[in-house]
Amino acid sequence: MEQIKWLLSNLKPYWALVSLVIFGSILEGLGTSFMTYLVKRVMDDVFILKESNKLYMILYLFAAAAVVIQIGFFLRNFLMNMVSEKLLMDFREKMFSSLLYSKVDFFINHPSGDIISRFNNDINAIKNILIDYMLSLIKEPITVLLLLGVLIYRDIYLTVIIIFAFPIISYSVKYFGTKRAKYVKLNQERLGIINQHVTQLISGIENIKIFGAEDKFLERFVQANKNLFKAGIKTIFYTVMNSIFNQSTGYIVFGLVLLYGGYRIVHGYTSAGDFISYLTALLLIQMPIMETQKGFMNMRSSIPLVKRVQEMLLLQREKDGTLDINNLLVPIVMKNVYVTIDSKEILKDINLTINPGEKIGIVGPTGAGKSTLLDILPKLVSYKGDVYIKDKSLEDITNKSIRSKIAFASQHVFIFNDTVRNNLLIANPNASEELLIKAIKLAKAEFLFTLKNGLDTVLGEYGYTVSGGERQRIAIARIFLTNPDVLLLDEITSALDVHTEQTVISNIFEIFKDKTILIVAHRLSNIINCDRILYIEDGRILEEGTFEELMRKQGNFYTLYQRSR
């Protein structure tokens, strides 16, 4: 129950409101219990003794009790809903923040569908726990205790019969709660898979259609949907069986009470008014008992959901240093660096010195580790070994400090659902209109001026309103809005035509001629003029040197260059 304790601890800022919720529950319980007392008065004083003058007083008291119950109902329901909405708002903000500052490895190891499912479905499930389950566990036990007091006061012997049923109900909480918990967790996990299928559909619809893979994707979705259905049915089955078990127990208890109570009336041990009052309390207590049991069962079965939310809120933050740097135009040295992602060794024994202002081209076959090498300097991947920025360890430097000196662009362009202007200004929020126009021209992205609303045109989710090459030019324009010490460029012109590509690469090398540049290129012509070229294969630097040196060597780079001509 550690997860439930953790959930309750998050309610501490709202204890004042929760206290009013408890007060409202007490009012409801007192009003309900008082009505059972009024039932006795009606039976004995009005129906049997025919004292009509007391009828009006009892009706006034009934009305007063009803008002008290409704006041309690309002306090309990409205304020608890307010607490749950506030808590969910906090959870969403904390979870989004947790994701933003988590290690990139988390996103590599967790499908987007699972993350979205936790962010939306699991957090909404927390609301159900607070409103449906916890609210019941605040109100119903109070009502049970108050009505139990009435039952004991009316007839302690009859009440003993009811108390014997409590261990049976307690057992059902444990049994059905454990069974349901298993399938509640499975249900959420399979819902995450459904979200993953939808996400893949949205992001890959063009490829799906081109390859005629609609039937295959539909087949996979149908199977995932069936699996979700099975988990949902199992959850419902154990919920229904729990209700049947409890109601059957209630019927048996009620029958025993009716049998024994009738015997006591016939032999004059109790009055009809007392027994009717007792039966009224007994009928009123059954639903709170079942709701309490149901609340405990649902709370127990919801532990996996709370754990999933807790994990997202407590993600391991990416490591950060304590030192700030003012300049990255210094020697950068990597010694015996290894990078392992998802148990696979991506980079192996990397030894590299990058001189200030040096232009380094990086080539190699697909999957060689070129992109991962660029990820080391901005601390986007975890690594083993040593990386030094002059005389300081990269691990000791703050993330914000190192990243503020780097411009990073890859072939996977990040376009968010906003205007062109805001998509560009993410690189430099303080950029002037003049600098904005200059950057667009240097990136050969003048097409942006011809859009329907110019720079205020909304690009849509993932930038689907523009082509792949146009998205790349938007990403390149971002670079020209910055003034970094180091540029990390990962196949940023892969979707551009040769002429545009040559112009853009030339502009980058001219504007940032005094900066350090590491560029991964799919066209070797883009890196011929680099000061040094690295050939990477299977996670290792196999060759390095100038273009002329590597060509004279006639090794791996020479073979790659000849094939590309």
Protein backbone atom coordinates (compact mmCIF):
# COMPACT_ATOMS: atom_id res chain seq x y z
CA MET A 1 0.00 0.00 0.00
CA GLU A 2 3.05 2.27 -0.29
CA GLN A 3 1.62 3.80 -3.46
CA ILE A 4 -1.64 4.74 -1.71
CA LYS A 5 0.33 6.35 1.14
CA TRP A 6 2.29 8.29 -1.46
CA LEU A 7 -0.96 9.42 -3.13
CA LEU A 8 -2.38 10.54 0.22
CA SER A 9 0.82 12.45 1.00
CA ASN A 10 0.19 14.53 -2.13
CA LEU A 11 -3.09 15.70 -0.59
CA LYS A 12 -1.30 17.51 2.27
CA PRO A 13 -1.54 20.96 0.61
CA TYR A 14 -5.32 20.48 0.53
CA TRP A 15 -5.94 19.18 4.05
CA ALA A 16 -8.24 22.12 4.83
CA LEU A 17 -10.53 21.15 1.96
CA VAL A 18 -10.23 17.44 2.80
CA SER A 19 -11.23 18.25 6.40
CA LEU A 20 -14.40 19.91 5.12
CA VAL A 21 -15.04 16.82 2.99
CA ILE A 22 -14.80 14.66 6.12
CA PHE A 23 -17.08 17.09 7.98
CA GLY A 24 -19.61 16.82 5.14
CA SER A 25 -19.44 13.02 5.35
CA ILE A 26 -20.13 13.19 9.10
CA LEU A 27 -23.15 15.41 8.46
CA GLU A 28 -24.50 12.91 5.92
CA GLY A 29 -23.97 10.02 8.34
CA LEU A 30 -25.62 11.84 11.24
CA GLY A 31 -28.62 12.82 9.08
CA THR A 32 -29.06 9.25 7.85
CA SER A 33 -28.74 7.78 11.38
CA PHE A 34 -31.19 10.32 12.79
CA MET A 35 -33.79 9.25 10.21
CA THR A 36 -33.72 5.70 11.60
CA TYR A 37 -34.61 7.17 15.01
CA LEU A 38 -37.53 9.04 13.41
CA VAL A 39 -38.79 5.78 11.89
CA LYS A 40 -39.24 4.37 15.43
CA ARG A 41 -41.13 7.49 16.51
CA VAL A 42 -43.46 7.21 13.50
CA MET A 43 -44.17 3.53 14.19
CA ASP A 44 -44.66 3.78 17.97
CA ASP A 45 -46.13 7.29 18.41
CA VAL A 46 -48.13 7.78 15.20
CA PHE A 47 -49.07 4.38 13.76
CA ILE A 48 -49.57 2.50 17.05
CA LEU A 49 -50.41 5.17 19.70
CA LYS A 50 -52.23 7.39 17.14
CA GLU A 51 -50.65 10.60 18.52
CA SER A 52 -51.32 12.77 15.48
CA ASN A 53 -49.92 15.91 17.13
CA LYS A 54 -46.43 14.37 16.94
CA LEU A 55 -46.70 13.72 13.19
CA TYR A 56 -45.94 17.34 12.23
CA MET A 57 -42.96 17.54 14.56
CA ILE A 58 -41.55 14.33 13.06
CA LEU A 59 -42.03 15.71 9.55
CA TYR A 60 -40.14 18.90 10.50
CA LEU A 61 -37.35 16.77 11.89
CA PHE A 62 -37.31 14.68 8.70
CA ALA A 63 -36.97 17.89 6.66
CA ALA A 64 -34.17 19.14 8.93
CA ALA A 65 -32.34 15.81 8.59
CA ALA A 66 -32.74 15.96 4.79
CA VAL A 67 -31.24 19.49 4.73
CA VAL A 68 -28.29 18.35 6.85
CA ILE A 69 -27.72 15.38 4.50
CA GLN A 70 -27.75 17.64 1.40
CA ILE A 71 -25.35 20.14 2.99
CA GLY A 72 -23.02 17.26 3.77
CA PHE A 73 -23.44 15.89 0.24
CA PHE A 74 -22.45 19.26 -1.27
CA LEU A 75 -19.38 19.65 0.95
CA ARG A 76 -18.27 16.09 0.26
CA ASN A 77 -18.78 15.96 -3.50
CA PHE A 78 -18.00 19.50 -4.64
CA LEU A 79 -14.92 19.99 -2.47
CA MET A 80 -13.51 16.51 -3.19
CA ASN A 81 -13.89 17.15 -6.91
CA MET A 82 -12.09 20.45 -6.43
CA VAL A 83 -9.26 18.68 -4.59
CA SER A 84 -8.98 16.04 -7.33
CA GLU A 85 -8.88 18.65 -10.12
CA LYS A 86 -6.19 20.61 -8.28
CA LEU A 87 -4.14 17.46 -7.68
CA LEU A 88 -4.47 16.37 -11.31
CA MET A 89 -3.38 19.82 -12.46
CA ASP A 90 -0.29 19.51 -10.25
CA PHE A 91 0.40 15.97 -11.48
CA ARG A 92 0.19 16.99 -15.14
CA GLU A 93 2.57 19.88 -14.60
CA LYS A 94 5.01 17.78 -12.56
CA MET A 95 4.86 14.91 -15.05
CA PHE A 96 5.50 17.20 -18.01
CA SER A 97 8.40 18.77 -16.12
CA SER A 98 9.67 15.32 -15.17
CA LEU A 99 9.66 14.28 -18.83
CA LEU A 100 11.38 17.49 -19.93
CA TYR A 101 14.27 17.08 -17.51
CA SER A 102 14.58 13.29 -17.67
CA LYS A 103 17.40 11.46 -19.40
CA VAL A 104 17.04 10.98 -23.14
CA ASP A 105 17.54 7.25 -22.52
CA PHE A 106 14.02 7.10 -21.07
CA PHE A 107 12.48 8.07 -24.41
CA ILE A 108 14.65 5.54 -26.21
CA ASN A 109 13.49 2.69 -23.95
CA HIS A 110 9.78 3.61 -23.71
CA PRO A 111 7.37 3.71 -26.67
CA SER A 112 5.58 7.01 -27.20
CA GLY A 113 2.22 5.27 -26.83
CA ASP A 114 3.10 4.11 -23.32
CA ILE A 115 4.23 7.61 -22.31
CA ILE A 116 1.03 9.18 -23.69
CA SER A 117 -1.09 6.53 -21.97
CA ARG A 118 0.54 7.27 -18.62
CA PHE A 119 0.21 11.00 -19.13
CA ASN A 120 -3.48 10.91 -20.05
CA ASN A 121 -5.18 7.66 -19.08
CA ASP A 122 -3.30 6.93 -15.85
CA ILE A 123 -3.65 10.46 -14.53
CA ASN A 124 -7.39 10.36 -15.29
CA ALA A 125 -7.51 7.04 -13.44
CA ILE A 126 -6.13 8.89 -10.40
CA LYS A 127 -9.25 11.07 -10.57
CA ASN A 128 -11.41 7.96 -10.43
CA ILE A 129 -9.48 6.78 -7.38
CA LEU A 130 -10.05 10.09 -5.60
CA ILE A 131 -13.69 10.64 -6.59
CA ASP A 132 -15.10 7.13 -6.84
CA TYR A 133 -12.98 5.16 -4.40
CA MET A 134 -11.43 7.49 -1.85
CA LEU A 135 -14.58 9.59 -1.53
CA SER A 136 -16.49 6.40 -0.73
CA LEU A 137 -13.85 5.44 1.83
CA ILE A 138 -14.29 8.80 3.55
CA LYS A 139 -18.09 8.89 3.63
CA GLU A 140 -19.25 5.28 3.77
CA PRO A 141 -17.21 4.05 6.80
CA ILE A 142 -18.48 7.06 8.81
CA THR A 143 -22.06 6.17 7.86
CA VAL A 144 -21.41 2.51 8.71
CA LEU A 145 -20.05 3.38 12.16
CA LEU A 146 -22.96 5.70 12.97
CA LEU A 147 -25.59 3.23 11.77
CA LEU A 148 -23.77 0.41 13.55
CA GLY A 149 -24.11 2.48 16.71
CA VAL A 150 -27.86 2.69 16.08
CA LEU A 151 -28.03 -1.10 15.55
CA ILE A 152 -26.13 -1.83 18.75
CA TYR A 153 -28.30 0.61 20.67
CA ARG A 154 -31.49 -0.95 19.30
CA ASP A 155 -30.52 -4.62 19.68
CA ILE A 156 -27.00 -5.79 20.42
CA TYR A 157 -27.90 -9.47 19.95
CA LEU A 158 -29.14 -8.98 16.41
CA THR A 159 -26.07 -6.87 15.63
CA VAL A 160 -23.72 -9.72 16.57
CA ILE A 161 -25.09 -11.64 13.56
CA ILE A 162 -24.06 -8.76 11.26
CA ILE A 163 -20.60 -8.42 12.79
CA PHE A 164 -19.89 -12.07 11.95
CA ALA A 165 -20.23 -11.15 8.25
CA PHE A 166 -17.36 -8.62 8.36
CA PRO A 167 -14.50 -11.20 8.11
CA ILE A 168 -16.18 -12.70 5.04
CA ILE A 169 -16.39 -9.27 3.41
CA SER A 170 -12.76 -8.58 4.38
CA TYR A 171 -11.68 -11.78 2.63
CA SER A 172 -13.53 -10.77 -0.55
CA VAL A 173 -11.69 -7.40 -0.54
CA LYS A 174 -8.35 -9.17 -0.60
CA TYR A 175 -9.28 -11.89 -3.10
CA PHE A 176 -11.20 -9.87 -5.68
CA GLY A 177 -8.96 -6.80 -5.21
CA THR A 178 -5.82 -8.83 -6.03
CA LYS A 179 -7.44 -10.43 -9.08
CA ARG A 180 -8.76 -7.12 -10.38
CA ALA A 181 -5.42 -5.33 -9.81
CA LYS A 182 -3.69 -7.76 -12.17
CA TYR A 183 -6.04 -6.96 -15.04
CA VAL A 184 -6.29 -3.22 -14.31
CA LYS A 185 -2.52 -2.97 -14.79
CA LEU A 186 -2.67 -5.16 -17.90
CA ASN A 187 -5.52 -3.03 -19.24
CA GLN A 188 -3.48 0.19 -18.92
CA GLU A 189 -0.41 -1.41 -20.51
CA ARG A 190 -2.47 -2.62 -23.46
CA LEU A 191 -4.10 0.79 -23.75
CA GLY A 192 -0.58 2.16 -24.12
CA ILE A 193 -0.03 -0.26 -27.02
CA ILE A 194 -3.24 1.02 -28.64
CA ASN A 195 -1.95 4.59 -28.30
CA GLN A 196 1.33 3.48 -29.84
CA HIS A 197 -0.47 2.06 -32.89
CA VAL A 198 -2.41 5.32 -33.34
CA THR A 199 0.77 7.40 -32.97
CA GLN A 200 2.53 5.27 -35.58
CA LEU A 201 -0.46 5.63 -37.91
CA ILE A 202 -0.39 9.42 -37.64
CA SER A 203 3.37 9.78 -38.10
CA GLY A 204 3.74 7.14 -40.81
CA ILE A 205 0.52 7.41 -42.82
CA GLU A 206 2.34 8.31 -46.05
CA ASN A 207 4.66 5.30 -45.88
CA ILE A 208 1.81 2.99 -44.88
CA LYS A 209 -0.17 4.01 -47.94
CA ILE A 210 2.79 3.95 -50.32
CA PHE A 211 3.75 0.42 -49.29
CA GLY A 212 0.12 -0.71 -49.28
CA ALA A 213 0.48 -1.79 -45.67
CA GLU A 214 -3.01 -0.75 -44.50
CA ASP A 215 -4.20 -4.35 -44.05
CA LYS A 216 -1.08 -5.34 -42.12
CA PHE A 217 -1.34 -2.38 -39.74
CA LEU A 218 -5.07 -3.00 -39.33
CA GLU A 219 -4.39 -6.65 -38.50
CA ARG A 220 -1.90 -5.64 -35.79
CA PHE A 221 -4.31 -3.08 -34.37
CA VAL A 222 -7.20 -5.55 -34.33
CA GLN A 223 -5.08 -8.03 -32.35
CA ALA A 224 -3.99 -5.33 -29.89
CA ASN A 225 -7.60 -4.20 -29.57
CA LYS A 226 -8.73 -7.76 -28.82
CA ASN A 227 -6.06 -8.06 -26.13
CA LEU A 228 -7.29 -4.81 -24.58
CA PHE A 229 -10.86 -6.14 -24.70
CA LYS A 230 -9.87 -9.35 -22.91
CA ALA A 231 -8.15 -7.44 -20.10
CA GLY A 232 -11.15 -5.12 -19.78
CA ILE A 233 -13.60 -8.05 -19.59
CA LYS A 234 -11.53 -9.73 -16.89
CA THR A 235 -11.53 -6.50 -14.88
CA ILE A 236 -15.31 -6.20 -15.20
CA PHE A 237 -15.80 -9.90 -14.37
CA TYR A 238 -14.04 -9.67 -11.00
CA THR A 239 -15.83 -6.40 -10.20
CA VAL A 240 -19.23 -7.99 -10.90
CA MET A 241 -18.38 -11.21 -9.02
CA ASN A 242 -17.35 -9.12 -6.02
CA SER A 243 -20.73 -7.34 -6.05
CA ILE A 244 -22.61 -10.67 -6.35
CA PHE A 245 -20.63 -12.12 -3.44
CA ASN A 246 -21.34 -9.12 -1.22
CA GLN A 247 -25.03 -8.89 -2.09
CA SER A 248 -25.50 -12.62 -1.47
CA THR A 249 -23.84 -12.22 1.92
CA GLY A 250 -26.17 -9.28 2.63
CA TYR A 251 -29.27 -11.30 1.72
CA ILE A 252 -28.26 -14.11 4.05
CA VAL A 253 -27.58 -11.70 6.92
CA PHE A 254 -30.88 -9.89 6.32
CA GLY A 255 -32.79 -13.19 6.33
CA LEU A 256 -31.20 -14.26 9.62
CA VAL A 257 -31.97 -10.89 11.19
CA LEU A 258 -35.60 -11.04 9.97
CA LEU A 259 -35.99 -14.56 11.35
CA TYR A 260 -34.49 -13.77 14.75
CA GLY A 261 -36.14 -10.33 14.98
CA GLY A 262 -39.56 -11.79 14.19
CA TYR A 263 -39.08 -14.34 16.94
CA ARG A 264 -38.25 -11.57 19.45
CA ILE A 265 -41.35 -9.53 18.50
CA VAL A 266 -43.66 -12.56 18.76
CA HIS A 267 -42.36 -13.32 22.26
CA GLY A 268 -42.49 -9.67 23.37
CA TYR A 269 -38.76 -9.08 23.76
CA THR A 270 -38.86 -5.96 21.55
CA SER A 271 -41.43 -3.53 20.15
CA ALA A 272 -42.49 -3.27 16.52
CA GLY A 273 -41.17 0.31 16.41
CA ASP A 274 -37.73 -0.76 17.66
CA PHE A 275 -37.56 -3.60 15.14
CA ILE A 276 -38.73 -1.47 12.17
CA SER A 277 -36.18 1.17 13.21
CA TYR A 278 -33.59 -1.61 13.37
CA LEU A 279 -34.56 -2.93 9.93
CA THR A 280 -34.41 0.60 8.50
CA ALA A 281 -30.90 1.04 9.87
CA LEU A 282 -29.98 -2.42 8.59
CA LEU A 283 -31.25 -1.62 5.08
CA LEU A 284 -29.46 1.74 5.13
CA ILE A 285 -26.18 0.19 6.32
CA GLN A 286 -25.98 -2.45 3.60
CA MET A 287 -25.15 -0.04 0.77
CA PRO A 288 -22.43 1.83 2.76
CA ILE A 289 -20.89 -1.53 3.74
CA MET A 290 -20.85 -2.70 0.11
CA GLU A 291 -19.53 0.66 -1.09
CA THR A 292 -16.81 0.58 1.57
CA GLN A 293 -15.82 -2.94 0.55
CA LYS A 294 -15.95 -1.94 -3.12
CA GLY A 295 -13.85 1.12 -2.36
CA PHE A 296 -11.19 -0.98 -0.61
CA MET A 297 -11.18 -3.51 -3.46
CA ASN A 298 -10.91 -0.82 -6.14
CA MET A 299 -8.25 1.01 -4.15
CA ARG A 300 -6.25 -2.18 -3.84
CA SER A 301 -6.62 -2.95 -7.54
CA SER A 302 -5.61 0.62 -8.47
CA ILE A 303 -2.17 0.33 -6.88
CA PRO A 304 -0.49 -0.56 -10.24
CA LEU A 305 -1.98 2.59 -11.83
CA VAL A 306 -0.72 4.79 -9.00
CA LYS A 307 2.68 3.15 -9.37
CA ARG A 308 2.77 3.96 -13.09
CA VAL A 309 2.01 7.62 -12.37
CA GLN A 310 4.51 7.67 -9.51
CA GLU A 311 7.24 6.31 -11.79
CA MET A 312 6.58 9.10 -14.31
CA LEU A 313 6.66 11.78 -11.62
CA LEU A 314 9.90 10.44 -10.18
CA LEU A 315 11.87 9.90 -13.37
CA GLN A 316 15.60 10.00 -12.98
CA ARG A 317 16.73 13.47 -13.95
CA GLU A 318 19.60 13.81 -16.36
CA LYS A 319 22.90 14.33 -14.61
CA ASP A 320 24.02 17.92 -14.29
CA GLY A 321 27.30 19.51 -13.37
CA THR A 322 28.04 22.53 -11.23
CA LEU A 323 30.49 24.50 -13.36
CA ASP A 324 29.59 27.11 -15.98
CA ILE A 325 31.74 27.82 -19.00
CA ASN A 326 31.96 31.04 -20.97
CA ASN A 327 33.66 29.68 -24.06
CA LEU A 328 33.56 26.39 -25.96
CA LEU A 329 36.15 27.44 -28.54
CA VAL A 330 38.73 25.39 -26.67
CA PRO A 331 40.28 21.95 -27.20
CA ILE A 332 37.70 19.15 -26.68
CA VAL A 333 39.16 15.76 -25.88
CA MET A 334 37.46 12.35 -25.74
CA LYS A 335 39.41 9.50 -24.14
CA ASN A 336 38.33 5.85 -24.24
CA VAL A 337 34.66 6.78 -24.60
CA TYR A 338 32.02 4.07 -24.81
CA VAL A 339 28.26 4.52 -25.33
CA THR A 340 25.77 1.73 -24.64
CA ILE A 341 22.07 2.11 -25.43
CA ASP A 342 19.53 -0.57 -24.56
CA SER A 343 22.31 -3.11 -23.86
CA LYS A 344 23.85 -2.47 -27.28
CA GLU A 345 27.33 -0.97 -27.53
CA ILE A 346 27.01 1.91 -30.01
CA LEU A 347 30.42 3.59 -29.64
CA LYS A 348 33.61 1.78 -28.65
CA ASP A 349 36.89 3.20 -27.42
CA ILE A 350 36.53 6.64 -29.01
CA ASN A 351 39.69 8.73 -28.75
CA LEU A 352 39.36 12.12 -30.39
CA THR A 353 40.73 15.64 -30.03
CA ILE A 354 38.73 18.52 -31.53
CA ASN A 355 40.66 21.75 -31.92
CA PRO A 356 38.99 25.19 -31.60
CA GLY A 357 37.50 26.34 -34.90
CA GLU A 358 38.19 22.99 -36.60
CA LYS A 359 35.82 21.67 -39.25
CA ILE A 360 35.40 17.90 -38.96
CA GLY A 361 33.41 15.74 -41.37
CA ILE A 362 32.05 12.41 -40.16
CA VAL A 363 31.16 9.57 -42.53
CA GLY A 364 30.50 5.87 -42.38
CA PRO A 365 27.85 3.24 -43.06
CA THR A 366 24.36 3.41 -41.58
CA GLY A 367 24.27 2.45 -37.91
CA ALA A 368 27.98 3.10 -37.42
CA GLY A 369 27.40 5.50 -34.49
CA LYS A 370 27.89 8.84 -36.24
CA SER A 371 24.82 10.54 -34.76
CA THR A 372 25.58 9.15 -31.32
CA LEU A 373 29.05 10.72 -31.47
CA LEU A 374 27.42 14.14 -31.93
CA ASP A 375 25.10 13.47 -28.97
CA ILE A 376 28.00 13.21 -26.51
CA LEU A 377 29.02 16.87 -26.37
CA PRO A 378 25.52 18.29 -25.56
CA LYS A 379 25.17 15.48 -22.97
CA LEU A 380 22.23 13.82 -24.72
CA VAL A 381 23.55 10.30 -24.08
CA SER A 382 25.22 8.63 -21.13
CA TYR A 383 28.78 7.50 -21.72
CA LYS A 384 31.70 5.81 -20.05
CA GLY A 385 35.17 7.24 -20.34
CA ASP A 386 36.44 10.81 -20.18
CA VAL A 387 35.45 13.92 -22.12
CA TYR A 388 37.30 17.16 -21.36
CA ILE A 389 36.46 20.72 -22.31
CA LYS A 390 39.99 22.11 -22.09
CA ASP A 391 40.83 21.15 -18.48
CA LYS A 392 37.28 20.58 -17.24
CA SER A 393 35.39 17.29 -17.31
CA LEU A 394 32.21 17.45 -19.38
CA GLU A 395 30.31 15.82 -16.50
CA ASP A 396 31.21 18.74 -14.21
CA ILE A 397 29.80 21.37 -16.58
CA THR A 398 26.13 22.36 -16.26
CA ASN A 399 23.84 21.19 -19.06
CA LYS A 400 22.48 24.68 -19.62
CA SER A 401 25.96 26.14 -19.91
CA ILE A 402 27.28 23.61 -22.44
CA ARG A 403 24.12 23.56 -24.53
CA SER A 404 23.94 27.34 -24.75
CA LYS A 405 27.25 27.23 -26.66
CA ILE A 406 26.07 24.61 -29.16
CA ALA A 407 23.83 24.72 -32.23
CA PHE A 408 22.41 21.31 -33.03
CA ALA A 409 20.44 20.24 -36.11
CA SER A 410 19.62 16.80 -37.40
CA GLN A 411 17.77 15.17 -40.29
CA HIS A 412 14.86 14.57 -37.87
CA VAL A 413 13.44 18.08 -37.85
CA PHE A 414 11.40 19.20 -34.86
CA ILE A 415 8.43 21.27 -36.02
CA PHE A 416 5.68 22.00 -33.51
CA ASN A 417 2.10 23.05 -34.19
CA ASP A 418 2.61 26.81 -34.20
CA THR A 419 3.49 29.65 -36.55
CA VAL A 420 6.62 29.74 -38.68
CA ARG A 421 7.84 32.67 -36.61
CA ASN A 422 7.54 30.82 -33.31
CA ASN A 423 9.12 27.71 -34.80
CA LEU A 424 12.15 29.81 -35.72
CA LEU A 425 12.31 31.86 -32.53
CA ILE A 426 12.65 28.72 -30.43
CA ALA A 427 16.35 28.99 -31.30
CA ASN A 428 16.59 32.64 -30.26
CA PRO A 429 13.48 34.23 -28.71
CA ASN A 430 15.11 37.68 -28.81
CA ALA A 431 15.98 37.64 -32.51
CA SER A 432 15.09 40.83 -34.37
CA GLU A 433 12.95 40.87 -37.50
CA GLU A 434 16.06 41.80 -39.50
CA LEU A 435 18.00 38.79 -38.18
CA LEU A 436 14.98 36.56 -38.83
CA ILE A 437 14.82 37.58 -42.49
CA LYS A 438 18.59 37.19 -42.89
CA ALA A 439 18.52 33.67 -41.40
CA ILE A 440 15.69 32.64 -43.73
CA LYS A 441 17.61 33.84 -46.77
CA LEU A 442 20.87 32.14 -45.71
CA ALA A 443 18.93 28.89 -45.30
CA LYS A 444 17.39 29.32 -48.76
CA ALA A 445 13.95 29.22 -47.12
CA GLU A 446 12.44 32.22 -48.93
CA PHE A 447 9.36 30.09 -49.64
CA LEU A 448 8.24 30.98 -46.10
CA PHE A 449 7.46 34.53 -47.25
CA THR A 450 5.02 33.17 -49.85
CA LEU A 451 2.91 31.14 -47.41
CA LYS A 452 -0.69 32.22 -46.91
CA ASN A 453 0.02 34.24 -43.76
CA GLY A 454 3.76 34.58 -44.23
CA LEU A 455 5.74 33.99 -41.06
CA ASP A 456 2.50 33.87 -39.10
CA THR A 457 1.31 30.76 -40.95
CA VAL A 458 0.64 27.81 -38.64
CA LEU A 459 2.66 24.83 -39.84
CA GLY A 460 0.49 22.12 -38.29
CA GLU A 461 1.51 19.12 -36.22
CA TYR A 462 4.95 17.79 -37.28
CA GLY A 463 4.98 20.53 -39.95
CA TYR A 464 2.82 18.47 -42.33
CA THR A 465 1.85 21.60 -44.30
CA VAL A 466 5.39 21.83 -45.73
CA SER A 467 7.62 19.29 -47.47
CA GLY A 468 10.56 17.41 -45.98
CA GLY A 469 13.10 19.67 -47.68
CA GLU A 470 11.23 22.76 -46.53
CA ARG A 471 11.21 21.48 -42.95
CA GLN A 472 14.97 20.98 -43.15
CA ARG A 473 15.47 24.55 -44.34
CA ILE A 474 13.44 25.79 -41.37
CA ALA A 475 15.78 23.85 -39.09
CA ILE A 476 18.81 25.32 -40.85
CA ALA A 477 17.38 28.84 -40.50
CA ARG A 478 17.30 28.28 -36.75
CA ILE A 479 21.06 27.77 -36.81
CA PHE A 480 21.62 31.17 -38.42
CA LEU A 481 19.64 32.79 -35.58
CA THR A 482 22.19 31.62 -33.04
CA ASN A 483 25.77 32.49 -32.26
CA PRO A 484 27.22 29.20 -31.01
CA ASP A 485 30.82 28.19 -30.44
CA VAL A 486 30.18 24.67 -31.77
CA LEU A 487 27.85 23.45 -34.51
CA LEU A 488 26.72 19.83 -34.61
CA LEU A 489 25.11 19.04 -37.96
CA ASP A 490 23.65 15.59 -38.59
CA GLU A 491 22.71 15.11 -42.27
CA ILE A 492 20.79 18.38 -42.22
CA THR A 493 20.57 18.61 -46.02
CA SER A 494 19.53 15.03 -46.82
CA ALA A 495 16.20 16.18 -48.34
CA LEU A 496 17.61 19.12 -50.35
CA ASP A 497 18.53 19.20 -54.02
CA VAL A 498 22.23 19.37 -54.83
CA HIS A 499 22.28 23.06 -55.78
CA THR A 500 20.39 24.23 -52.67
CA GLU A 501 22.49 21.93 -50.50
CA GLN A 502 25.78 23.33 -51.78
CA THR A 503 24.59 26.90 -51.23
CA VAL A 504 23.40 26.21 -47.69
CA ILE A 505 26.56 24.32 -46.69
CA SER A 506 28.68 27.14 -48.17
CA ASN A 507 26.71 29.73 -46.17
CA ILE A 508 27.17 27.73 -42.95
CA PHE A 509 30.92 27.44 -43.44
CA GLU A 510 31.17 31.13 -44.30
CA ILE A 511 29.01 32.54 -41.48
CA PHE A 512 30.54 30.24 -38.89
CA LYS A 513 34.06 30.15 -40.27
CA ASP A 514 35.60 30.83 -36.86
CA LYS A 515 33.46 28.22 -35.07
CA THR A 516 34.01 24.52 -34.45
CA ILE A 517 31.85 22.41 -36.76
CA LEU A 518 31.16 18.66 -36.70
CA ILE A 519 29.13 17.59 -39.71
CA VAL A 520 27.71 14.18 -40.59
CA ALA A 521 27.05 14.10 -44.32
CA HIS A 522 25.44 11.63 -46.68
CA ARG A 523 27.00 13.40 -49.67
CA LEU A 524 30.76 13.25 -49.38
CA SER A 525 31.14 16.38 -51.49
CA ASN A 526 29.96 18.37 -48.46
CA ILE A 527 32.94 17.39 -46.32
CA ILE A 528 35.78 17.44 -48.85
CA ASN A 529 36.95 20.84 -47.61
CA CYS A 530 36.80 19.95 -43.91
CA ASP A 531 40.05 20.20 -41.94
CA ARG A 532 39.68 16.56 -40.96
CA ILE A 533 37.45 13.62 -41.85
CA LEU A 534 36.54 10.72 -39.54
CA TYR A 535 35.50 7.37 -40.95
CA ILE A 536 33.40 5.44 -38.39
CA GLU A 537 32.29 1.86 -38.65
CA ASP A 538 30.83 -0.47 -36.02
CA GLY A 539 31.17 2.23 -33.36
CA ARG A 540 34.92 2.78 -33.88
CA ILE A 541 36.96 5.49 -35.59
CA LEU A 542 38.82 3.42 -38.16
CA GLU A 543 40.36 6.27 -40.17
CA GLU A 544 40.95 10.00 -39.79
CA GLY A 545 42.80 12.64 -41.74
CA THR A 546 42.34 15.23 -44.47
CA PHE A 547 40.53 14.30 -47.67
CA GLU A 548 43.85 14.01 -49.54
CA GLU A 549 45.42 11.84 -46.80
CA LEU A 550 42.52 9.42 -46.72
CA MET A 551 42.43 9.16 -50.51
CA ARG A 552 46.15 8.36 -50.61
CA LYS A 553 45.63 5.73 -47.93
CA GLN A 554 43.07 3.95 -50.17
CA GLY A 555 41.27 2.44 -47.20
CA ASN A 556 37.62 2.44 -46.11
CA PHE A 557 37.02 6.11 -46.90
CA TYR A 558 38.58 5.73 -50.35
CA THR A 559 36.25 2.79 -51.12
CA LEU A 560 33.21 4.73 -49.85
CA TYR A 561 34.12 7.77 -51.95
CA GLN A 562 34.60 5.72 -55.11
CA ARG A 563 31.21 4.06 -54.64
CA SER A 564 29.49 7.42 -54.16
CA ARG A 565 30.78 8.91 -57.41
